[in-house]
C-alpha atoms as a PDB file:
ATOM      1  CA  MET A   1     197.177 -17.686 150.310  1.00  0.00           C
ATOM      2  CA  LYS A   2     194.168 -18.708 152.386  1.00  0.00           C
ATOM      3  CA  GLU A   3     194.483 -17.805 156.059  1.00  0.00           C
ATOM      4  CA  PRO A   4     194.355 -21.011 158.137  1.00  0.00           C
ATOM      5  CA  ILE A   5     191.995 -21.559 161.052  1.00  0.00           C
ATOM      6  CA  PRO A   6     194.053 -21.652 164.268  1.00  0.00           C
ATOM      7  CA  GLU A   7     194.178 -24.783 166.403  1.00  0.00           C
ATOM      8  CA  VAL A   8     194.420 -22.734 169.603  1.00  0.00           C
ATOM      9  CA  TRP A   9     192.687 -19.418 170.356  1.00  0.00           C
ATOM     10  CA  GLU A  10     193.365 -17.386 173.492  1.00  0.00           C
ATOM     11  CA  GLY A  11     194.924 -20.441 175.101  1.00  0.00           C
ATOM     12  CA  LEU A  12     191.976 -22.721 174.381  1.00  0.00           C
ATOM     13  CA  PRO A  13     191.779 -25.595 171.865  1.00  0.00           C
ATOM     14  CA  VAL A  14     189.642 -24.844 168.809  1.00  0.00           C
ATOM     15  CA  VAL A  15     187.104 -27.622 168.274  1.00  0.00           C
ATOM     16  CA  THR A  16     184.546 -28.992 165.857  1.00  0.00           C
ATOM     17  CA  ALA A  17     180.894 -29.566 166.682  1.00  0.00           C
ATOM     18  CA  ALA A  18     181.589 -33.310 167.025  1.00  0.00           C
ATOM     19  CA  ALA A  19     184.348 -32.689 169.565  1.00  0.00           C
ATOM     20  CA  MET A  20     181.999 -30.413 171.516  1.00  0.00           C
ATOM     21  CA  ARG A  21     179.334 -33.132 171.618  1.00  0.00           C
ATOM     22  CA  GLU A  22     181.915 -35.523 173.056  1.00  0.00           C
ATOM     23  CA  LEU A  23     182.790 -32.946 175.714  1.00  0.00           C
ATOM     24  CA  ASP A  24     179.135 -32.549 176.695  1.00  0.00           C
ATOM     25  CA  LEU A  25     178.761 -36.308 176.967  1.00  0.00           C
ATOM     26  CA  ALA A  26     181.919 -36.659 179.069  1.00  0.00           C
ATOM     27  CA  ALA A  27     180.832 -33.822 181.365  1.00  0.00           C
ATOM     28  CA  THR A  28     177.546 -35.545 182.179  1.00  0.00           C
ATOM     29  CA  GLU A  29     178.547 -39.219 182.101  1.00  0.00           C
ATOM     30  CA  LYS A  30     182.073 -39.104 183.548  1.00  0.00           C
ATOM     31  CA  HIS A  31     181.937 -36.027 185.762  1.00  0.00           C
ATOM     32  CA  GLY A  32     178.301 -36.134 186.857  1.00  0.00           C
ATOM     33  CA  ILE A  33     177.514 -32.572 185.755  1.00  0.00           C
ATOM     34  CA  LYS A  34     173.816 -32.198 185.004  1.00  0.00           C
ATOM     35  CA  ALA A  35     172.864 -30.831 181.591  1.00  0.00           C
ATOM     36  CA  LEU A  36     170.363 -28.558 183.362  1.00  0.00           C
ATOM     37  CA  ASP A  37     173.210 -27.061 185.410  1.00  0.00           C
ATOM     38  CA  LEU A  38     175.334 -26.449 182.308  1.00  0.00           C
ATOM     39  CA  MET A  39     172.369 -24.699 180.678  1.00  0.00           C
ATOM     40  CA  GLU A  40     171.822 -22.605 183.802  1.00  0.00           C
ATOM     41  CA  ASN A  41     175.495 -21.600 183.840  1.00  0.00           C
ATOM     42  CA  ALA A  42     175.410 -20.780 180.131  1.00  0.00           C
ATOM     43  CA  GLY A  43     172.317 -18.591 180.335  1.00  0.00           C
ATOM     44  CA  LYS A  44     173.576 -16.771 183.427  1.00  0.00           C
ATOM     45  CA  ALA A  45     176.918 -16.048 181.747  1.00  0.00           C
ATOM     46  CA  VAL A  46     175.175 -14.858 178.565  1.00  0.00           C
ATOM     47  CA  ALA A  47     172.964 -12.505 180.594  1.00  0.00           C
ATOM     48  CA  ALA A  48     175.995 -11.024 182.350  1.00  0.00           C
ATOM     49  CA  GLU A  49     177.769 -10.395 179.041  1.00  0.00           C
ATOM     50  CA  CYS A  50     174.635  -8.840 177.548  1.00  0.00           C
ATOM     51  CA  ALA A  51     174.458  -6.489 180.537  1.00  0.00           C
ATOM     52  CA  ALA A  52     178.073  -5.503 179.894  1.00  0.00           C
ATOM     53  CA  PHE A  53     177.323  -5.026 176.189  1.00  0.00           C
ATOM     54  CA  LEU A  54     174.427  -2.703 177.037  1.00  0.00           C
ATOM     55  CA  ALA A  55     176.548  -0.799 179.550  1.00  0.00           C
ATOM     56  CA  GLU A  56     179.061  -0.028 176.799  1.00  0.00           C
ATOM     57  CA  LYS A  57     176.169   1.647 174.964  1.00  0.00           C
ATOM     58  CA  GLY A  58     175.206   3.674 178.023  1.00  0.00           C
ATOM     59  CA  LEU A  59     172.219   1.540 179.071  1.00  0.00           C
ATOM     60  CA  SER A  60     171.611  -0.166 182.387  1.00  0.00           C
ATOM     61  CA  VAL A  61     169.792  -3.490 182.500  1.00  0.00           C
ATOM     62  CA  GLU A  62     166.848  -1.741 184.164  1.00  0.00           C
ATOM     63  CA  GLN A  63     166.521   0.591 181.174  1.00  0.00           C
ATOM     64  CA  ALA A  64     166.867  -2.099 178.546  1.00  0.00           C
ATOM     65  CA  LYS A  65     164.243  -3.638 176.294  1.00  0.00           C
ATOM     66  CA  ILE A  66     165.453  -6.988 175.033  1.00  0.00           C
ATOM     67  CA  VAL A  67     164.111  -9.509 172.535  1.00  0.00           C
ATOM     68  CA  VAL A  68     165.334 -13.100 172.795  1.00  0.00           C
ATOM     69  CA  CYS A  69     164.784 -15.343 169.761  1.00  0.00           C
ATOM     70  CA  CYS A  70     164.827 -18.967 170.915  1.00  0.00           C
ATOM     71  CA  GLY A  71     165.006 -22.230 169.021  1.00  0.00           C
ATOM     72  CA  ARG A  72     163.282 -25.396 170.194  1.00  0.00           C
ATOM     73  CA  GLY A  73     166.497 -27.098 171.332  1.00  0.00           C
ATOM     74  CA  ALA A  74     169.335 -26.542 173.791  1.00  0.00           C
ATOM     75  CA  ASN A  75     170.365 -23.207 172.271  1.00  0.00           C
ATOM     76  CA  GLY A  76     166.833 -21.962 172.858  1.00  0.00           C
ATOM     77  CA  GLY A  77     167.008 -23.250 176.425  1.00  0.00           C
ATOM     78  CA  ASP A  78     170.181 -21.211 176.985  1.00  0.00           C
ATOM     79  CA  GLY A  79     168.312 -18.190 175.661  1.00  0.00           C
ATOM     80  CA  LEU A  80     165.383 -18.728 178.022  1.00  0.00           C
ATOM     81  CA  VAL A  81     167.758 -18.868 180.999  1.00  0.00           C
ATOM     82  CA  ALA A  82     169.431 -15.641 179.849  1.00  0.00           C
ATOM     83  CA  ALA A  83     166.002 -14.048 179.415  1.00  0.00           C
ATOM     84  CA  ARG A  84     165.096 -14.972 182.992  1.00  0.00           C
ATOM     85  CA  TYR A  85     168.279 -13.494 184.474  1.00  0.00           C
ATOM     86  CA  LEU A  86     167.870 -10.284 182.475  1.00  0.00           C
ATOM     87  CA  ALA A  87     164.231  -9.964 183.549  1.00  0.00           C
ATOM     88  CA  GLU A  88     165.198 -10.566 187.165  1.00  0.00           C
ATOM     89  CA  GLY A  89     167.773  -7.808 186.737  1.00  0.00           C
ATOM     90  CA  GLY A  90     165.033  -5.360 185.771  1.00  0.00           C
ATOM     91  CA  ALA A  91     165.027  -5.500 181.965  1.00  0.00           C
ATOM     92  CA  THR A  92     161.861  -5.684 179.896  1.00  0.00           C
ATOM     93  CA  VAL A  93     162.263  -8.998 178.101  1.00  0.00           C
ATOM     94  CA  ALA A  94     160.180 -10.575 175.341  1.00  0.00           C
ATOM     95  CA  ALA A  95     161.081 -14.061 174.152  1.00  0.00           C
ATOM     96  CA  PHE A  96     159.911 -15.582 170.880  1.00  0.00           C
ATOM     97  CA  LEU A  97     160.094 -19.374 170.960  1.00  0.00           C
ATOM     98  CA  CYS A  98     160.103 -21.647 167.932  1.00  0.00           C
ATOM     99  CA  PRO A  99     157.130 -24.064 168.102  1.00  0.00           C
ATOM    100  CA  PRO A 100     157.941 -27.703 168.973  1.00  0.00           C
ATOM    101  CA  LYS A 101     158.565 -30.185 166.200  1.00  0.00           C
ATOM    102  CA  ASN A 102     155.531 -31.378 164.299  1.00  0.00           C
ATOM    103  CA  ASP A 103     156.337 -35.000 165.087  1.00  0.00           C
ATOM    104  CA  GLY A 104     153.116 -35.931 166.854  1.00  0.00           C
ATOM    105  CA  ALA A 105     154.501 -35.345 170.348  1.00  0.00           C
ATOM    106  CA  GLY A 106     154.078 -31.578 170.246  1.00  0.00           C
ATOM    107  CA  LYS A 107     156.454 -31.105 173.155  1.00  0.00           C
ATOM    108  CA  TYR A 108     159.734 -29.371 173.837  1.00  0.00           C
ATOM    109  CA  PRO A 109     162.710 -31.277 175.269  1.00  0.00           C
ATOM    110  CA  GLU A 110     162.638 -31.370 179.069  1.00  0.00           C
ATOM    111  CA  LEU A 111     165.461 -28.840 179.460  1.00  0.00           C
ATOM    112  CA  VAL A 112     163.570 -26.333 177.333  1.00  0.00           C
ATOM    113  CA  SER A 113     160.231 -26.973 179.058  1.00  0.00           C
ATOM    114  CA  VAL A 114     161.755 -26.455 182.509  1.00  0.00           C
ATOM    115  CA  ASN A 115     163.380 -23.182 181.542  1.00  0.00           C
ATOM    116  CA  LEU A 116     160.309 -21.975 179.657  1.00  0.00           C
ATOM    117  CA  ALA A 117     158.296 -22.264 182.872  1.00  0.00           C
ATOM    118  CA  ARG A 118     161.027 -20.557 184.884  1.00  0.00           C
ATOM    119  CA  ALA A 119     161.289 -17.685 182.410  1.00  0.00           C
ATOM    120  CA  GLN A 120     157.550 -17.084 182.435  1.00  0.00           C
ATOM    121  CA  ALA A 121     157.521 -17.159 186.245  1.00  0.00           C
ATOM    122  CA  ALA A 122     160.197 -14.445 186.198  1.00  0.00           C
ATOM    123  CA  GLY A 123     158.006 -12.173 184.078  1.00  0.00           C
ATOM    124  CA  VAL A 124     159.387 -12.910 180.629  1.00  0.00           C
ATOM    125  CA  THR A 125     156.713 -12.605 177.931  1.00  0.00           C
ATOM    126  CA  VAL A 126     157.024 -15.729 175.758  1.00  0.00           C
ATOM    127  CA  THR A 127     155.316 -15.858 172.349  1.00  0.00           C
ATOM    128  CA  SER A 128     155.219 -18.702 169.852  1.00  0.00           C
ATOM    129  CA  ALA A 129     157.295 -17.587 166.878  1.00  0.00           C
ATOM    130  CA  GLY A 130     156.275 -17.387 163.252  1.00  0.00           C
ATOM    131  CA  PRO A 131     154.501 -15.012 160.870  1.00  0.00           C
ATOM    132  CA  GLY A 132     152.025 -12.801 162.740  1.00  0.00           C
ATOM    133  CA  SER A 133     153.747 -13.280 166.107  1.00  0.00           C
ATOM    134  CA  GLY A 134     154.589  -9.589 166.441  1.00  0.00           C
ATOM    135  CA  LEU A 135     158.339 -10.176 166.415  1.00  0.00           C
ATOM    136  CA  ASP A 136     158.848  -7.325 163.957  1.00  0.00           C
ATOM    137  CA  LYS A 137     157.118  -4.874 166.316  1.00  0.00           C
ATOM    138  CA  ALA A 138     159.075  -6.109 169.317  1.00  0.00           C
ATOM    139  CA  LEU A 139     162.364  -5.768 167.449  1.00  0.00           C
ATOM    140  CA  ALA A 140     161.398  -2.237 166.443  1.00  0.00           C
ATOM    141  CA  TRP A 141     161.296  -1.099 170.090  1.00  0.00           C
ATOM    142  CA  CYS A 142     164.104  -3.194 171.561  1.00  0.00           C
ATOM    143  CA  HIS A 143     167.646  -2.108 172.389  1.00  0.00           C
ATOM    144  CA  LEU A 144     169.129  -5.576 171.898  1.00  0.00           C
ATOM    145  CA  ALA A 145     168.228  -8.853 170.190  1.00  0.00           C
ATOM    146  CA  ILE A 146     169.646 -12.150 171.415  1.00  0.00           C
ATOM    147  CA  ASP A 147     170.047 -14.948 168.869  1.00  0.00           C
ATOM    148  CA  ALA A 148     169.470 -18.263 170.665  1.00  0.00           C
ATOM    149  CA  LEU A 149     168.014 -20.093 167.690  1.00  0.00           C
ATOM    150  CA  LEU A 150     170.518 -22.662 166.467  1.00  0.00           C
ATOM    151  CA  GLY A 151     173.562 -24.181 168.121  1.00  0.00           C
ATOM    152  CA  THR A 152     176.390 -26.362 166.881  1.00  0.00           C
ATOM    153  CA  GLY A 153     174.088 -29.339 166.326  1.00  0.00           C
ATOM    154  CA  ALA A 154     172.071 -27.637 163.578  1.00  0.00           C
ATOM    155  CA  THR A 155     172.511 -28.717 159.972  1.00  0.00           C
ATOM    156  CA  GLY A 156     171.125 -27.508 156.658  1.00  0.00           C
ATOM    157  CA  LYS A 157     169.431 -24.264 155.733  1.00  0.00           C
ATOM    158  CA  PRO A 158     167.289 -22.695 158.480  1.00  0.00           C
ATOM    159  CA  ALA A 159     163.593 -23.146 157.681  1.00  0.00           C
ATOM    160  CA  GLY A 160     160.144 -22.422 159.049  1.00  0.00           C
ATOM    161  CA  ALA A 161     159.827 -20.232 162.133  1.00  0.00           C
ATOM    162  CA  ILE A 162     163.610 -20.055 162.540  1.00  0.00           C
ATOM    163  CA  HIS A 163     164.012 -18.777 158.973  1.00  0.00           C
ATOM    164  CA  HIS A 164     161.348 -16.175 159.713  1.00  0.00           C
ATOM    165  CA  MET A 165     163.056 -15.007 162.916  1.00  0.00           C
ATOM    166  CA  ILE A 166     166.442 -14.697 161.235  1.00  0.00           C
ATOM    167  CA  ARG A 167     164.906 -12.591 158.471  1.00  0.00           C
ATOM    168  CA  GLU A 168     163.153 -10.342 161.005  1.00  0.00           C
ATOM    169  CA  MET A 169     166.340  -9.835 163.034  1.00  0.00           C
ATOM    170  CA  THR A 170     168.253  -8.948 159.894  1.00  0.00           C
ATOM    171  CA  ALA A 171     165.594  -6.476 158.763  1.00  0.00           C
ATOM    172  CA  ALA A 172     165.412  -4.789 162.190  1.00  0.00           C
ATOM    173  CA  LYS A 173     169.099  -3.800 162.109  1.00  0.00           C
ATOM    174  CA  LYS A 174     169.332  -3.830 165.893  1.00  0.00           C
ATOM    175  CA  PRO A 175     172.431  -4.909 167.854  1.00  0.00           C
ATOM    176  CA  VAL A 176     172.556  -8.714 168.043  1.00  0.00           C
ATOM    177  CA  VAL A 177     174.313 -10.969 170.538  1.00  0.00           C
ATOM    178  CA  ALA A 178     174.547 -14.592 169.381  1.00  0.00           C
ATOM    179  CA  VAL A 179     174.577 -17.503 171.816  1.00  0.00           C
ATOM    180  CA  ASP A 180     177.308 -20.054 170.973  1.00  0.00           C
ATOM    181  CA  ILE A 181     177.273 -19.384 167.220  1.00  0.00           C
ATOM    182  CA  PRO A 182     175.343 -17.037 164.906  1.00  0.00           C
ATOM    183  CA  SER A 183     172.381 -19.046 163.640  1.00  0.00           C
ATOM    184  CA  GLY A 184     172.889 -20.284 160.101  1.00  0.00           C
ATOM    185  CA  ILE A 185     176.694 -20.264 160.304  1.00  0.00           C
ATOM    186  CA  HIS A 186     178.249 -23.737 160.039  1.00  0.00           C
ATOM    187  CA  PRO A 187     180.168 -24.458 163.264  1.00  0.00           C
ATOM    188  CA  ASP A 188     183.022 -26.244 161.469  1.00  0.00           C
ATOM    189  CA  THR A 189     183.447 -24.282 158.232  1.00  0.00           C
ATOM    190  CA  GLY A 190     182.076 -20.806 158.967  1.00  0.00           C
ATOM    191  CA  TYR A 191     180.064 -20.861 155.732  1.00  0.00           C
ATOM    192  CA  HIS A 192     176.308 -20.316 155.430  1.00  0.00           C
ATOM    193  CA  SER A 193     173.474 -21.269 153.095  1.00  0.00           C
ATOM    194  CA  GLY A 194     172.094 -17.751 152.607  1.00  0.00           C
ATOM    195  CA  VAL A 195     169.946 -17.518 155.754  1.00  0.00           C
ATOM    196  CA  TYR A 196     172.037 -16.509 158.748  1.00  0.00           C
ATOM    197  CA  VAL A 197     172.416 -14.057 161.611  1.00  0.00           C
ATOM    198  CA  THR A 198     174.975 -11.261 161.575  1.00  0.00           C
ATOM    199  CA  ALA A 199     176.029 -10.698 165.174  1.00  0.00           C
ATOM    200  CA  ASP A 200     177.768  -7.796 166.845  1.00  0.00           C
ATOM    201  CA  LEU A 201     178.998 -10.165 169.553  1.00  0.00           C
ATOM    202  CA  THR A 202     179.141 -13.959 169.668  1.00  0.00           C
ATOM    203  CA  LEU A 203     179.300 -15.636 173.075  1.00  0.00           C
ATOM    204  CA  THR A 204     180.498 -19.156 172.405  1.00  0.00           C
ATOM    205  CA  LEU A 205     180.201 -21.733 175.164  1.00  0.00           C
ATOM    206  CA  GLY A 206     183.072 -23.678 176.691  1.00  0.00           C
ATOM    207  CA  LEU A 207     185.497 -23.679 173.777  1.00  0.00           C
ATOM    208  CA  PRO A 208     185.920 -21.761 170.492  1.00  0.00           C
ATOM    209  CA  LYS A 209     184.468 -23.512 167.446  1.00  0.00           C
ATOM    210  CA  ARG A 210     186.416 -23.772 164.182  1.00  0.00           C
ATOM    211  CA  GLY A 211     183.817 -22.033 162.034  1.00  0.00           C
ATOM    212  CA  LEU A 212     183.810 -18.946 164.233  1.00  0.00           C
ATOM    213  CA  LEU A 213     187.495 -18.386 163.525  1.00  0.00           C
ATOM    214  CA  ALA A 214     187.297 -18.837 159.755  1.00  0.00           C
ATOM    215  CA  PRO A 215     188.355 -15.560 158.088  1.00  0.00           C
ATOM    216  CA  HIS A 216     185.205 -15.443 155.929  1.00  0.00           C
ATOM    217  CA  ALA A 217     182.974 -15.748 159.034  1.00  0.00           C
ATOM    218  CA  LYS A 218     184.347 -12.705 160.869  1.00  0.00           C
ATOM    219  CA  ALA A 219     181.698 -10.323 159.515  1.00  0.00           C
ATOM    220  CA  SER A 220     178.918 -12.573 160.843  1.00  0.00           C
ATOM    221  CA  VAL A 221     180.569 -13.434 164.150  1.00  0.00           C
ATOM    222  CA  GLY A 222     181.489  -9.899 165.200  1.00  0.00           C
ATOM    223  CA  ALA A 223     183.456  -9.753 168.436  1.00  0.00           C
ATOM    224  CA  LEU A 224     184.048 -13.228 169.871  1.00  0.00           C
ATOM    225  CA  LYS A 225     184.164 -14.258 173.516  1.00  0.00           C
ATOM    226  CA  VAL A 226     184.373 -17.725 175.050  1.00  0.00           C
ATOM    227  CA  LEU A 227     182.256 -18.239 178.175  1.00  0.00           C
ATOM    228  CA  ASP A 228     183.170 -20.551 181.031  1.00  0.00           C
ATOM    229  CA  ILE A 229     180.021 -22.534 181.814  1.00  0.00           C
ATOM    230  CA  GLY A 230     181.452 -25.029 184.293  1.00  0.00           C
ATOM    231  CA  TYR A 231     183.207 -27.717 182.271  1.00  0.00           C
ATOM    232  CA  PRO A 232     186.055 -29.312 184.281  1.00  0.00           C
ATOM    233  CA  ALA A 233     189.437 -27.849 183.299  1.00  0.00           C
ATOM    234  CA  ALA A 234     190.811 -31.307 182.569  1.00  0.00           C
ATOM    235  CA  LEU A 235     188.098 -31.883 179.983  1.00  0.00           C
ATOM    236  CA  LEU A 236     188.774 -28.594 178.215  1.00  0.00           C
ATOM    237  CA  LYS A 237     192.521 -29.124 178.010  1.00  0.00           C
ATOM    238  CA  GLY A 238     192.034 -32.585 176.602  1.00  0.00           C
ATOM    239  CA  ARG A 239     189.959 -31.480 173.639  1.00  0.00           C
ATOM    240  CA  SER A 240     191.194 -31.312 170.078  1.00  0.00           C
ATOM    241  CA  ALA A 241     189.601 -30.363 166.762  1.00  0.00           C
ATOM    242  CA  LYS A 242     188.357 -33.810 165.754  1.00  0.00           C
END
């Protein structure tokens, strides 16, 4: 008999990607919480958990060499914030950022642009991702890779620079911490299309997502922890898996 996905995990409601989008909207529109502040909280919390992860392996932040693989959207923005905090803590941090969409604008969303500038000001080396970027060499010398490529809003099979980064992370066989969800894993079902990240630790934001708790996703999710990033308690308690 197929093991069901729980509706509650560690006292928190288990939600779909759609329910999480509604929560984000309610946080900003009804509670006046800025998206930039939520991203700041998320990245700071991710950095703290990565420091704890490294400590379990006998490494201080100051000793650590870390590669952060960032998408062009909000998940990538979270990764850039985490990169900044880790760099400020003394780590050597290299970020590889997916190029902006080829839609004529050639720009990142404002939240990503702001945190890209902040990360660079903090000493994070940021390189445009893709073949020839040197990601393979960086992964070869790092102690930890952070997957901040795709969040719960991603659909379809990862392609382009993101596909390339996932393949490089997989080939490197270094410890991986995933931000919100391992890239390539469907947030609602836990299934993948063949291109996905296998994480040692997944730090999901705000509430646990259904796909992360699917029995068949456990090998890709690794250890799972939910991070408090500043959503009002009333909003969290009122969520359901819609």
